[in-house]
Amino acid sequence: MWQLYQFPLCPFSRKVRLMLAEKGVTHELVRESPWLRRDEFADLNPAGKTPVLVEESRGIVLIDSGAICEYFEETVDRAPMIPGTAPNRAEVRRLVAWFDEGFHGDVVKPLMEERMLKRLVNRDAPDTRVLREAMKTANAHIDYIDYLLDHRRWLAGAALSLADLAAASQLSVADYLGGIDWRGHKQTADWYMVMKSRPSFRPLLAERMEVIAPPAHYDKVDF
């Protein structure tokens, strides 16, 4: 069986978990805290980052959420997540990169550093200036999501795709850490409610990171 090395607030692990669930790939979760820098985990991934997916019986180690998702898109026919024509697939990949790089770097990474890592690792108080800037930038990013959803049923087009999984993964972590103001973003909120209601998504909403509690609305589909 596949083993996924991850931790609850890793957005890239969340993306892989959604991909595996949508495609019906059986797996078990292995809790890994990358900041502990375990030698055993470094042997799997010298970069020391989650997610890492292992199939020990076949000697397969998959590293990087993008590579992992592409692997299962190529090997599992069920529920295509990079569907359609070549331009459609290019648009899916563009948006995945936008969320995994832009949204993560501007919003999720600073929220995780200030509200998770400082508390768990350094025992420091968060920098409120950094938090305010991340939340302000999140609002601008969500304006763009609203724009996409004004013109499309799903983020990349007519069908659910890896772009939706990537976006929902990053948004869910930012929401858990109190970094999203949903007011004035009905299009994105409605889309996110649909994502939250999917069976693949429910296990993510049930998990909690130690000593860090999410807002009351976090796991509610209708919020």
C-alpha atoms as a PDB file:
ATOM      1  CA  MET A   1       0.000   0.000   0.000  1.00  0.00           C
ATOM      2  CA  TRP A   2       1.080   3.557  -0.672  1.00  0.00           C
ATOM      3  CA  GLN A   3       2.263   5.537   2.349  1.00  0.00           C
ATOM      4  CA  LEU A   4       1.985   9.320   2.236  1.00  0.00           C
ATOM      5  CA  TYR A   5       4.385  11.241   4.454  1.00  0.00           C
ATOM      6  CA  GLN A   6       2.610  14.477   5.350  1.00  0.00           C
ATOM      7  CA  PHE A   7       1.334  16.714   8.129  1.00  0.00           C
ATOM      8  CA  PRO A   8      -2.153  18.228   8.547  1.00  0.00           C
ATOM      9  CA  LEU A   9      -1.364  21.769   7.384  1.00  0.00           C
ATOM     10  CA  CYS A  10       0.866  20.935   4.435  1.00  0.00           C
ATOM     11  CA  PRO A  11      -1.112  22.294   1.448  1.00  0.00           C
ATOM     12  CA  PHE A  12       0.912  20.241  -1.043  1.00  0.00           C
ATOM     13  CA  SER A  13       0.142  17.056   0.867  1.00  0.00           C
ATOM     14  CA  ARG A  14      -3.507  18.077   0.850  1.00  0.00           C
ATOM     15  CA  LYS A  15      -3.411  18.398  -2.924  1.00  0.00           C
ATOM     16  CA  VAL A  16      -1.977  14.880  -3.224  1.00  0.00           C
ATOM     17  CA  ARG A  17      -4.540  13.505  -0.768  1.00  0.00           C
ATOM     18  CA  LEU A  18      -7.371  14.995  -2.813  1.00  0.00           C
ATOM     19  CA  MET A  19      -5.875  13.580  -6.008  1.00  0.00           C
ATOM     20  CA  LEU A  20      -5.540  10.100  -4.514  1.00  0.00           C
ATOM     21  CA  ALA A  21      -9.054  10.184  -3.088  1.00  0.00           C
ATOM     22  CA  GLU A  22     -10.650  11.397  -6.328  1.00  0.00           C
ATOM     23  CA  LYS A  23      -8.852   8.630  -8.231  1.00  0.00           C
ATOM     24  CA  GLY A  24      -9.669   5.961  -5.638  1.00  0.00           C
ATOM     25  CA  VAL A  25      -6.046   5.150  -4.771  1.00  0.00           C
ATOM     26  CA  THR A  26      -5.774   3.396  -1.414  1.00  0.00           C
ATOM     27  CA  HIS A  27      -3.125   4.849   0.877  1.00  0.00           C
ATOM     28  CA  GLU A  28      -2.257   5.410   4.494  1.00  0.00           C
ATOM     29  CA  LEU A  29      -1.013   8.587   6.122  1.00  0.00           C
ATOM     30  CA  VAL A  30       2.307   8.826   7.909  1.00  0.00           C
ATOM     31  CA  ARG A  31       2.694  11.913  10.081  1.00  0.00           C
ATOM     32  CA  GLU A  32       5.927  13.741   9.286  1.00  0.00           C
ATOM     33  CA  SER A  33       7.037  17.076  10.765  1.00  0.00           C
ATOM     34  CA  PRO A  34       9.716  18.325   8.349  1.00  0.00           C
ATOM     35  CA  TRP A  35      11.053  20.880  10.836  1.00  0.00           C
ATOM     36  CA  LEU A  36      12.282  17.981  13.007  1.00  0.00           C
ATOM     37  CA  ARG A  37      14.676  16.992  10.211  1.00  0.00           C
ATOM     38  CA  ARG A  38      14.629  13.259  10.905  1.00  0.00           C
ATOM     39  CA  ASP A  39      17.467  11.368   9.267  1.00  0.00           C
ATOM     40  CA  GLU A  40      15.047   8.655   8.119  1.00  0.00           C
ATOM     41  CA  PHE A  41      12.928  11.200   6.278  1.00  0.00           C
ATOM     42  CA  ALA A  42      15.982  12.897   4.784  1.00  0.00           C
ATOM     43  CA  ASP A  43      16.943   9.520   3.342  1.00  0.00           C
ATOM     44  CA  LEU A  44      13.605   9.523   1.475  1.00  0.00           C
ATOM     45  CA  ASN A  45      13.758  13.165   0.416  1.00  0.00           C
ATOM     46  CA  PRO A  46      17.049  15.033   0.874  1.00  0.00           C
ATOM     47  CA  ALA A  47      15.143  18.305   0.414  1.00  0.00           C
ATOM     48  CA  GLY A  48      13.319  17.488   3.663  1.00  0.00           C
ATOM     49  CA  LYS A  49       9.899  18.537   2.378  1.00  0.00           C
ATOM     50  CA  THR A  50       6.487  16.879   2.349  1.00  0.00           C
ATOM     51  CA  PRO A  51       4.779  15.201   0.617  1.00  0.00           C
ATOM     52  CA  VAL A  52       6.615  11.987  -0.111  1.00  0.00           C
ATOM     53  CA  LEU A  53       4.715   8.936  -1.349  1.00  0.00           C
ATOM     54  CA  VAL A  54       6.223   5.483  -0.908  1.00  0.00           C
ATOM     55  CA  GLU A  55       5.261   2.042  -2.196  1.00  0.00           C
ATOM     56  CA  GLU A  56       7.815  -0.053  -0.347  1.00  0.00           C
ATOM     57  CA  SER A  57       6.894  -3.404  -1.905  1.00  0.00           C
ATOM     58  CA  ARG A  58       7.689  -2.018  -5.378  1.00  0.00           C
ATOM     59  CA  GLY A  59      10.559   0.204  -4.313  1.00  0.00           C
ATOM     60  CA  ILE A  60       8.833   3.361  -5.529  1.00  0.00           C
ATOM     61  CA  VAL A  61       9.473   6.750  -3.885  1.00  0.00           C
ATOM     62  CA  LEU A  62       7.630   9.747  -5.355  1.00  0.00           C
ATOM     63  CA  ILE A  63       8.670  13.260  -4.306  1.00  0.00           C
ATOM     64  CA  ASP A  64       7.037  16.652  -4.990  1.00  0.00           C
ATOM     65  CA  SER A  65       3.287  17.140  -5.174  1.00  0.00           C
ATOM     66  CA  GLY A  66       3.370  18.075  -8.856  1.00  0.00           C
ATOM     67  CA  ALA A  67       5.320  14.977  -9.832  1.00  0.00           C
ATOM     68  CA  ILE A  68       3.084  12.787  -7.672  1.00  0.00           C
ATOM     69  CA  CYS A  69      -0.120  14.144  -9.198  1.00  0.00           C
ATOM     70  CA  GLU A  70       1.234  13.763 -12.721  1.00  0.00           C
ATOM     71  CA  TYR A  71       2.237  10.166 -11.932  1.00  0.00           C
ATOM     72  CA  PHE A  72      -1.311   9.217 -10.966  1.00  0.00           C
ATOM     73  CA  GLU A  73      -2.811  11.180 -13.838  1.00  0.00           C
ATOM     74  CA  GLU A  74      -0.687   9.027 -16.151  1.00  0.00           C
ATOM     75  CA  THR A  75      -1.256   5.688 -14.396  1.00  0.00           C
ATOM     76  CA  VAL A  76      -4.896   5.829 -13.209  1.00  0.00           C
ATOM     77  CA  ASP A  77      -7.596   6.360 -15.842  1.00  0.00           C
ATOM     78  CA  ARG A  78     -10.358   7.151 -13.364  1.00  0.00           C
ATOM     79  CA  ALA A  79     -11.378  10.792 -12.790  1.00  0.00           C
ATOM     80  CA  PRO A  80      -8.957  12.646 -15.092  1.00  0.00           C
ATOM     81  CA  MET A  81      -7.677  15.778 -13.362  1.00  0.00           C
ATOM     82  CA  ILE A  82      -5.765  17.290 -16.282  1.00  0.00           C
ATOM     83  CA  PRO A  83      -8.516  16.820 -18.879  1.00  0.00           C
ATOM     84  CA  GLY A  84      -9.415  18.087 -22.319  1.00  0.00           C
ATOM     85  CA  THR A  85      -7.476  19.453 -25.254  1.00  0.00           C
ATOM     86  CA  ALA A  86      -3.849  20.545 -25.131  1.00  0.00           C
ATOM     87  CA  PRO A  87      -4.857  24.199 -24.452  1.00  0.00           C
ATOM     88  CA  ASN A  88      -7.185  23.019 -21.668  1.00  0.00           C
ATOM     89  CA  ARG A  89      -4.422  20.972 -20.066  1.00  0.00           C
ATOM     90  CA  ALA A  90      -2.037  23.902 -20.351  1.00  0.00           C
ATOM     91  CA  GLU A  91      -4.557  26.094 -18.523  1.00  0.00           C
ATOM     92  CA  VAL A  92      -4.891  23.531 -15.735  1.00  0.00           C
ATOM     93  CA  ARG A  93      -1.117  23.428 -15.299  1.00  0.00           C
ATOM     94  CA  ARG A  94      -0.890  27.238 -15.405  1.00  0.00           C
ATOM     95  CA  LEU A  95      -3.367  27.596 -12.582  1.00  0.00           C
ATOM     96  CA  VAL A  96      -1.786  24.823 -10.522  1.00  0.00           C
ATOM     97  CA  ALA A  97       1.514  26.718 -10.757  1.00  0.00           C
ATOM     98  CA  TRP A  98      -0.243  29.971  -9.869  1.00  0.00           C
ATOM     99  CA  PHE A  99      -1.670  28.494  -6.660  1.00  0.00           C
ATOM    100  CA  ASP A 100       1.346  26.391  -5.710  1.00  0.00           C
ATOM    101  CA  GLU A 101       3.826  29.193  -6.300  1.00  0.00           C
ATOM    102  CA  GLY A 102       2.040  32.557  -6.201  1.00  0.00           C
ATOM    103  CA  PHE A 103      -0.751  32.012  -3.698  1.00  0.00           C
ATOM    104  CA  HIS A 104       1.430  29.800  -1.533  1.00  0.00           C
ATOM    105  CA  GLY A 105       4.378  32.186  -1.516  1.00  0.00           C
ATOM    106  CA  ASP A 106       2.325  35.340  -0.982  1.00  0.00           C
ATOM    107  CA  VAL A 107      -0.267  34.028   1.463  1.00  0.00           C
ATOM    108  CA  VAL A 108       0.055  30.495   2.805  1.00  0.00           C
ATOM    109  CA  LYS A 109       3.795  30.399   3.491  1.00  0.00           C
ATOM    110  CA  PRO A 110       3.864  33.581   5.627  1.00  0.00           C
ATOM    111  CA  LEU A 111       0.722  32.463   7.483  1.00  0.00           C
ATOM    112  CA  MET A 112       2.302  29.083   8.231  1.00  0.00           C
ATOM    113  CA  GLU A 113       5.555  30.665   9.352  1.00  0.00           C
ATOM    114  CA  GLU A 114       3.891  33.201  11.632  1.00  0.00           C
ATOM    115  CA  ARG A 115       0.963  31.210  13.029  1.00  0.00           C
ATOM    116  CA  MET A 116       2.298  27.656  12.958  1.00  0.00           C
ATOM    117  CA  LEU A 117       6.085  27.384  12.888  1.00  0.00           C
ATOM    118  CA  LYS A 118       6.751  30.263  15.266  1.00  0.00           C
ATOM    119  CA  ARG A 119       4.329  28.770  17.750  1.00  0.00           C
ATOM    120  CA  LEU A 120       5.354  25.123  17.426  1.00  0.00           C
ATOM    121  CA  VAL A 121       9.089  25.459  16.845  1.00  0.00           C
ATOM    122  CA  ASN A 122      10.342  28.833  18.044  1.00  0.00           C
ATOM    123  CA  ARG A 123       7.719  29.633  20.693  1.00  0.00           C
ATOM    124  CA  ASP A 124       7.630  33.188  19.348  1.00  0.00           C
ATOM    125  CA  ALA A 125       4.714  35.543  18.831  1.00  0.00           C
ATOM    126  CA  PRO A 126       3.646  36.171  15.228  1.00  0.00           C
ATOM    127  CA  ASP A 127       4.602  39.346  13.415  1.00  0.00           C
ATOM    128  CA  THR A 128       1.275  41.137  12.965  1.00  0.00           C
ATOM    129  CA  ARG A 129       2.655  43.235  10.107  1.00  0.00           C
ATOM    130  CA  VAL A 130       3.436  40.093   8.108  1.00  0.00           C
ATOM    131  CA  LEU A 131       0.003  38.671   8.888  1.00  0.00           C
ATOM    132  CA  ARG A 132      -1.779  41.828   7.751  1.00  0.00           C
ATOM    133  CA  GLU A 133       0.160  41.873   4.489  1.00  0.00           C
ATOM    134  CA  ALA A 134      -0.589  38.190   3.812  1.00  0.00           C
ATOM    135  CA  MET A 135      -4.299  38.709   4.426  1.00  0.00           C
ATOM    136  CA  LYS A 136      -4.350  41.803   2.212  1.00  0.00           C
ATOM    137  CA  THR A 137      -2.629  39.873  -0.571  1.00  0.00           C
ATOM    138  CA  ALA A 138      -5.022  36.951  -0.099  1.00  0.00           C
ATOM    139  CA  ASN A 139      -7.911  39.290  -0.826  1.00  0.00           C
ATOM    140  CA  ALA A 140      -6.321  40.322  -4.132  1.00  0.00           C
ATOM    141  CA  HIS A 141      -5.725  36.699  -5.105  1.00  0.00           C
ATOM    142  CA  ILE A 142      -9.330  35.796  -4.322  1.00  0.00           C
ATOM    143  CA  ASP A 143     -10.491  38.675  -6.511  1.00  0.00           C
ATOM    144  CA  TYR A 144      -8.829  36.800  -9.378  1.00  0.00           C
ATOM    145  CA  ILE A 145     -10.544  33.539  -8.393  1.00  0.00           C
ATOM    146  CA  ASP A 146     -13.857  35.422  -8.407  1.00  0.00           C
ATOM    147  CA  TYR A 147     -13.033  36.608 -11.918  1.00  0.00           C
ATOM    148  CA  LEU A 148     -12.296  33.074 -13.122  1.00  0.00           C
ATOM    149  CA  LEU A 149     -15.538  31.767 -11.643  1.00  0.00           C
ATOM    150  CA  ASP A 150     -17.513  34.550 -13.278  1.00  0.00           C
ATOM    151  CA  HIS A 151     -16.537  32.998 -16.622  1.00  0.00           C
ATOM    152  CA  ARG A 152     -16.189  29.291 -15.865  1.00  0.00           C
ATOM    153  CA  ARG A 153     -17.963  26.552 -13.968  1.00  0.00           C
ATOM    154  CA  TRP A 154     -14.669  25.329 -12.461  1.00  0.00           C
ATOM    155  CA  LEU A 155     -11.396  27.210 -12.187  1.00  0.00           C
ATOM    156  CA  ALA A 156      -9.807  25.888 -15.384  1.00  0.00           C
ATOM    157  CA  GLY A 157     -12.956  25.313 -17.424  1.00  0.00           C
ATOM    158  CA  ALA A 158     -16.013  23.092 -17.631  1.00  0.00           C
ATOM    159  CA  ALA A 159     -14.732  20.200 -15.506  1.00  0.00           C
ATOM    160  CA  LEU A 160     -13.234  19.693 -12.064  1.00  0.00           C
ATOM    161  CA  SER A 161      -9.464  19.583 -12.418  1.00  0.00           C
ATOM    162  CA  LEU A 162      -6.179  19.585 -10.577  1.00  0.00           C
ATOM    163  CA  ALA A 163      -6.420  23.389 -10.565  1.00  0.00           C
ATOM    164  CA  ASP A 164      -9.437  23.145  -8.240  1.00  0.00           C
ATOM    165  CA  LEU A 165      -7.630  20.667  -5.995  1.00  0.00           C
ATOM    166  CA  ALA A 166      -4.549  22.882  -5.787  1.00  0.00           C
ATOM    167  CA  ALA A 167      -6.579  26.003  -5.081  1.00  0.00           C
ATOM    168  CA  ALA A 168      -8.759  24.364  -2.432  1.00  0.00           C
ATOM    169  CA  SER A 169      -5.702  22.885  -0.717  1.00  0.00           C
ATOM    170  CA  GLN A 170      -3.969  26.253  -0.396  1.00  0.00           C
ATOM    171  CA  LEU A 171      -7.169  28.090   0.556  1.00  0.00           C
ATOM    172  CA  SER A 172      -8.069  25.516   3.203  1.00  0.00           C
ATOM    173  CA  VAL A 173      -4.743  25.947   5.001  1.00  0.00           C
ATOM    174  CA  ALA A 174      -4.981  29.738   4.828  1.00  0.00           C
ATOM    175  CA  ASP A 175      -8.555  29.494   6.135  1.00  0.00           C
ATOM    176  CA  TYR A 176      -7.492  27.187   8.980  1.00  0.00           C
ATOM    177  CA  LEU A 177      -4.919  29.810  10.023  1.00  0.00           C
ATOM    178  CA  GLY A 178      -7.479  32.611   9.961  1.00  0.00           C
ATOM    179  CA  GLY A 179      -6.032  34.316   6.909  1.00  0.00           C
ATOM    180  CA  ILE A 180      -9.110  34.518   4.671  1.00  0.00           C
ATOM    181  CA  ASP A 181     -11.810  37.171   4.792  1.00  0.00           C
ATOM    182  CA  TRP A 182     -14.646  35.680   2.767  1.00  0.00           C
ATOM    183  CA  ARG A 183     -16.750  38.855   2.732  1.00  0.00           C
ATOM    184  CA  GLY A 184     -17.309  40.171  -0.772  1.00  0.00           C
ATOM    185  CA  HIS A 185     -16.182  36.932  -2.413  1.00  0.00           C
ATOM    186  CA  LYS A 186     -19.424  35.071  -3.070  1.00  0.00           C
ATOM    187  CA  GLN A 187     -18.208  33.344  -6.243  1.00  0.00           C
ATOM    188  CA  THR A 188     -15.175  31.854  -4.519  1.00  0.00           C
ATOM    189  CA  ALA A 189     -17.105  31.043  -1.344  1.00  0.00           C
ATOM    190  CA  ASP A 190     -19.790  29.185  -3.336  1.00  0.00           C
ATOM    191  CA  TRP A 191     -17.142  27.211  -5.243  1.00  0.00           C
ATOM    192  CA  TYR A 192     -15.293  26.416  -2.014  1.00  0.00           C
ATOM    193  CA  MET A 193     -18.506  25.160  -0.408  1.00  0.00           C
ATOM    194  CA  VAL A 194     -18.874  22.714  -3.303  1.00  0.00           C
ATOM    195  CA  MET A 195     -15.266  21.599  -2.807  1.00  0.00           C
ATOM    196  CA  LYS A 196     -15.780  21.183   0.943  1.00  0.00           C
ATOM    197  CA  SER A 197     -18.808  18.983   0.337  1.00  0.00           C
ATOM    198  CA  ARG A 198     -16.891  16.472  -1.793  1.00  0.00           C
ATOM    199  CA  PRO A 199     -16.161  13.142  -0.038  1.00  0.00           C
ATOM    200  CA  SER A 200     -12.473  13.545  -0.850  1.00  0.00           C
ATOM    201  CA  PHE A 201     -12.339  16.805   1.090  1.00  0.00           C
ATOM    202  CA  ARG A 202     -14.136  15.892   4.293  1.00  0.00           C
ATOM    203  CA  PRO A 203     -11.203  14.054   5.946  1.00  0.00           C
ATOM    204  CA  LEU A 204      -9.027  17.154   5.551  1.00  0.00           C
ATOM    205  CA  LEU A 205     -11.537  19.314   7.390  1.00  0.00           C
ATOM    206  CA  ALA A 206     -11.715  16.865  10.288  1.00  0.00           C
ATOM    207  CA  GLU A 207      -7.990  17.033  11.049  1.00  0.00           C
ATOM    208  CA  ARG A 208      -6.413  19.411  13.517  1.00  0.00           C
ATOM    209  CA  MET A 209      -2.894  20.677  14.098  1.00  0.00           C
ATOM    210  CA  GLU A 210      -1.830  20.448  17.716  1.00  0.00           C
ATOM    211  CA  VAL A 211      -2.262  23.640  19.788  1.00  0.00           C
ATOM    212  CA  ILE A 212      -3.616  25.523  16.754  1.00  0.00           C
ATOM    213  CA  ALA A 213      -7.396  25.731  16.490  1.00  0.00           C
ATOM    214  CA  PRO A 214      -9.143  26.854  13.283  1.00  0.00           C
ATOM    215  CA  PRO A 215     -11.974  29.404  13.106  1.00  0.00           C
ATOM    216  CA  ALA A 216     -15.454  28.117  13.954  1.00  0.00           C
ATOM    217  CA  HIS A 217     -16.550  28.183  10.298  1.00  0.00           C
ATOM    218  CA  TYR A 218     -13.574  26.173   9.045  1.00  0.00           C
ATOM    219  CA  ASP A 219     -15.193  22.719   8.752  1.00  0.00           C
ATOM    220  CA  LYS A 220     -18.721  23.911   7.985  1.00  0.00           C
ATOM    221  CA  VAL A 221     -19.832  23.435   4.399  1.00  0.00           C
ATOM    222  CA  ASP A 222     -22.278  26.344   4.600  1.00  0.00           C
ATOM    223  CA  PHE A 223     -20.260  29.195   6.112  1.00  0.00           C
END
